[in-house]
């Protein structure tokens, strides 16, 4: 039985009395309504999933943009510096928003969001920051060839890097402290 709206419309249009001749409670009209509702639900769920993954995609994109063409691999200290730069990327904007704010006024929504994101990333860095394993040459090459799709990340190796220099293998997609 066809499920998507296009397939249902095509199936019904091949019948003798086309879509124009449907009445409100006919079987075909119910099929069309169910297929339309299903397409809406699938689109809503996929948009929610894409929004949830976007922070991870942005993180990987930052690391890809920060490596140069001739870089082969990174040391643990270089990776920790890279993570620190990633976490502090919004500090100039936060300082600008704070300086523009009048004395005694509450912070703006944007400033609050940036501060919360920075705090959350600092906490994650203490326990284990999820990132590609840039200490391996093949991961650096794969990252430079990455097409910015979520599915393209499955072939890379990931680690959890802590602030004190600890490294632990991680999985893709990130789940908790894996």
Protein backbone atom coordinates (compact mmCIF):
# COMPACT_ATOMS: atom_id res chain seq x y z
CA UNK A 1 0.00 0.00 0.00
CA UNK A 2 1.49 3.39 -0.94
CA UNK A 3 2.26 5.69 1.97
CA UNK A 4 3.57 9.01 0.68
CA UNK A 5 1.22 11.65 -0.65
CA UNK A 6 2.69 11.59 -4.18
CA UNK A 7 2.26 7.83 -4.45
CA UNK A 8 -1.30 7.95 -3.18
CA UNK A 9 -2.20 10.75 -5.60
CA UNK A 10 -0.66 8.84 -8.49
CA UNK A 11 -2.47 5.64 -7.49
CA UNK A 12 -5.84 7.40 -7.21
CA UNK A 13 -5.41 9.34 -10.48
CA UNK A 14 -4.99 6.06 -12.38
CA UNK A 15 -8.48 5.00 -11.33
CA UNK A 16 -11.51 5.70 -13.47
CA UNK A 17 -12.89 8.67 -11.54
CA UNK A 18 -9.91 10.90 -10.93
CA UNK A 19 -9.17 12.97 -7.83
CA UNK A 20 -11.69 15.63 -8.89
CA UNK A 21 -14.60 13.21 -8.39
CA UNK A 22 -13.88 12.39 -4.73
CA UNK A 23 -16.44 13.10 -2.06
CA UNK A 24 -15.47 14.01 1.49
CA UNK A 25 -15.67 10.62 3.21
CA UNK A 26 -14.68 8.28 0.39
CA UNK A 27 -11.89 5.74 0.87
CA UNK A 28 -9.62 7.59 -1.51
CA UNK A 29 -10.17 10.89 0.30
CA UNK A 30 -9.27 9.23 3.60
CA UNK A 31 -6.14 7.76 1.99
CA UNK A 32 -5.14 11.21 0.75
CA UNK A 33 -5.68 12.76 4.19
CA UNK A 34 -3.68 10.04 5.95
CA UNK A 35 -0.82 10.34 3.43
CA UNK A 36 -0.78 14.12 3.80
CA UNK A 37 -0.68 13.87 7.58
CA UNK A 38 2.11 11.30 7.40
CA UNK A 39 4.19 13.50 5.07
CA UNK A 40 3.76 16.44 7.47
CA UNK A 41 4.79 14.31 10.45
CA UNK A 42 7.87 12.93 8.65
CA UNK A 43 8.92 16.44 7.57
CA UNK A 44 8.48 17.77 11.13
CA UNK A 45 10.51 14.92 12.65
CA UNK A 46 13.31 15.25 10.10
CA UNK A 47 13.49 19.02 10.71
CA UNK A 48 13.73 18.40 14.47
CA UNK A 49 16.50 15.84 13.95
CA UNK A 50 18.42 18.24 11.69
CA UNK A 51 18.18 21.02 14.30
CA UNK A 52 19.48 18.66 16.98
CA UNK A 53 22.43 17.59 14.87
CA UNK A 54 23.31 21.11 13.74
CA UNK A 55 25.42 21.94 16.80
CA UNK A 56 27.61 18.89 16.17
CA UNK A 57 27.90 19.69 12.46
CA UNK A 58 28.91 23.28 13.29
CA UNK A 59 31.53 21.97 15.70
CA UNK A 60 33.07 19.66 13.10
CA UNK A 61 32.91 22.43 10.49
CA UNK A 62 34.90 24.72 12.84
CA UNK A 63 37.60 22.07 13.24
CA UNK A 64 37.74 21.53 9.48
CA UNK A 65 38.13 25.24 8.82
CA UNK A 66 40.84 25.58 11.45
CA UNK A 67 43.16 22.93 10.01
CA UNK A 68 45.49 24.01 7.24
CA UNK A 69 46.23 22.18 3.99
CA UNK A 70 49.70 20.98 5.01
CA UNK A 71 48.67 19.77 8.49
CA UNK A 72 49.24 16.05 8.93
CA UNK A 73 48.16 15.51 12.52
CA UNK A 74 47.86 17.34 15.85
CA UNK A 75 49.42 16.72 19.23
CA UNK A 76 47.25 16.53 22.33
CA UNK A 77 48.25 20.06 23.36
CA UNK A 78 47.39 21.40 19.90
CA UNK A 79 43.97 19.76 20.07
CA UNK A 80 43.37 21.23 23.55
CA UNK A 81 44.29 24.70 22.22
CA UNK A 82 41.94 24.20 19.29
CA UNK A 83 39.10 23.25 21.65
CA UNK A 84 39.83 26.29 23.83
CA UNK A 85 39.64 28.55 20.77
CA UNK A 86 36.36 26.87 19.77
CA UNK A 87 34.85 27.43 23.21
CA UNK A 88 35.98 31.08 23.32
CA UNK A 89 34.88 31.92 19.77
CA UNK A 90 31.96 34.05 21.00
CA UNK A 91 33.80 35.97 23.74
CA UNK A 92 34.25 39.14 21.60
CA UNK A 93 30.53 39.22 20.83
CA UNK A 94 29.66 38.69 24.51
CA UNK A 95 31.98 41.55 25.51
CA UNK A 96 30.44 43.80 22.87
CA UNK A 97 26.91 43.01 24.05
CA UNK A 98 27.92 43.68 27.66
CA UNK A 99 29.51 47.02 26.76
CA UNK A 100 26.44 48.12 24.79
CA UNK A 101 24.11 47.29 27.66
CA UNK A 102 23.20 50.15 29.97
CA UNK A 103 24.07 49.85 33.63
CA UNK A 104 21.42 48.03 35.65
CA UNK A 105 19.78 46.42 32.63
CA UNK A 106 19.38 42.65 32.36
CA UNK A 107 21.38 40.84 29.68
CA UNK A 108 19.80 40.37 26.25
CA UNK A 109 18.53 36.99 25.08
CA UNK A 110 21.47 36.67 22.68
CA UNK A 111 23.99 37.39 25.44
CA UNK A 112 22.34 34.85 27.75
CA UNK A 113 22.34 32.21 25.01
CA UNK A 114 26.03 32.79 24.24
CA UNK A 115 26.98 32.63 27.92
CA UNK A 116 25.00 29.43 28.43
CA UNK A 117 26.60 27.83 25.37
CA UNK A 118 30.09 28.81 26.54
CA UNK A 119 29.42 27.45 30.04
CA UNK A 120 28.04 24.18 28.69
CA UNK A 121 31.04 23.73 26.39
CA UNK A 122 33.45 24.47 29.28
CA UNK A 123 31.72 21.83 31.41
CA UNK A 124 31.91 19.38 28.52
CA UNK A 125 35.62 20.10 28.12
CA UNK A 126 36.20 19.24 31.79
CA UNK A 127 34.46 15.86 31.46
CA UNK A 128 35.34 15.07 27.83
CA UNK A 129 34.90 17.23 24.75
CA UNK A 130 33.55 15.28 21.73
CA UNK A 131 35.64 15.94 18.62
CA UNK A 132 37.30 14.15 15.68
CA UNK A 133 40.58 12.45 16.54
CA UNK A 134 42.93 14.93 14.86
CA UNK A 135 45.97 13.04 16.12
CA UNK A 136 45.43 10.48 13.33
CA UNK A 137 46.49 11.35 9.81
CA UNK A 138 43.62 9.54 8.07
CA UNK A 139 41.03 11.42 10.16
CA UNK A 140 42.59 14.77 9.22
CA UNK A 141 42.45 13.80 5.53
CA UNK A 142 38.85 12.60 5.83
CA UNK A 143 37.92 15.82 7.62
CA UNK A 144 39.41 17.96 4.86
CA UNK A 145 37.37 16.00 2.27
CA UNK A 146 34.16 16.06 4.34
CA UNK A 147 31.06 17.23 2.41
CA UNK A 148 29.36 18.79 5.48
CA UNK A 149 26.68 16.10 5.67
CA UNK A 150 25.81 14.30 8.90
CA UNK A 151 26.14 10.93 7.20
CA UNK A 152 29.66 11.78 6.02
CA UNK A 153 30.88 11.81 9.63
CA UNK A 154 30.29 8.10 10.21
CA UNK A 155 33.60 7.11 8.62
CA UNK A 156 35.70 9.27 10.99
CA UNK A 157 37.04 8.35 14.41
CA UNK A 158 36.04 10.50 17.36
CA UNK A 159 37.45 11.03 20.83
CA UNK A 160 36.57 12.66 24.12
CA UNK A 161 39.34 15.09 25.08
CA UNK A 162 39.48 16.36 28.67
CA UNK A 163 40.95 19.61 29.90
CA UNK A 164 43.71 17.82 31.81
CA UNK A 165 44.87 16.04 28.64
CA UNK A 166 43.01 12.72 28.88
CA UNK A 167 41.88 11.08 25.66
CA UNK A 168 39.18 8.44 25.34
CA UNK A 169 37.75 6.83 22.21
CA UNK A 170 34.18 7.86 21.45
CA UNK A 171 31.41 6.73 19.15
CA UNK A 172 29.44 8.38 16.38
CA UNK A 173 26.82 9.77 16.86
CA UNK A 174 27.71 11.19 20.29
CA UNK A 175 25.71 9.65 23.13
CA UNK A 176 26.31 10.82 26.66
CA UNK A 177 29.95 10.31 27.56
CA UNK A 178 30.67 7.52 25.07
